[in-house]
Amino acid sequence: MMRFAAYLLAAIVGLGIGSFSALSMAGLLPGDRRAAGSIDIDGWRGDLTQGSADASPYFRARVARHGLLALAKSEAIYFIRDTDEAGRRFTEDCTYRVTGGAMPAGWWSITLYNAENFLPDNNDNALSFDASRVESVEWEAMIAPTEPEDRANWISSRNSGEFDLTLRLYMPEEAALARPSEAISPPRIERVKCTESQ
């Protein structure tokens, strides 16, 4: 009887640990919303196997779970960020300044997604900022729930709650694929102000 109880306990513990690790690796636990990956460049997380046959089964599960239709890395690489430079979670109650420079890619974009991995439910037509709106090597954009005076470089966070940003580098240069941490200087995001509750 003691041996049976020991086997049963071992099976229950093994099942619990296995289930937890599978859910965690697949991104199914609360608070683990996005397929981030193994590369971290100044707070921007990505994985060059996204969209390829080289992706692990766990990473494929994360991508499928979060509805990301990824291209192969020769066509695009993806990085996600959900905190500002001080490590504070992005929220629509705050305004942020995004600054950056040249990207090692043929084209790039930054898009805002809400906590459910969808575009926020608003009609501001300003949920993304891309290379076509950059007039010089150094550039700046604002993330805010209301339209700033210079709408040209605005990403609307209205109705987004807590959100994250996805940086896409299309047609990345070889250096970005071979040495991403050295070749990519991702945008910086600084919190400018928040409502009084923040």
Foldseek 3Di string as FASTA:
>chain_A
DVVVVVVVVVVVVVVVVVVVVLCVLLQNDPPSQALFADDAALQWGWHLCVQHPPDDPSSVSNCVVLVPDDHHSQFKTKTKHQAANVRHGDFQQFKKKKKDFDFQAPKKKKFKAASSNHHFPDDPPAGMDIPVLDPHRIDMAMEHCDQDPPNSRYHHCNRRGGIMMMMMGGNGDPCCVVPVNPRGDGIHMDTDDGPPVD
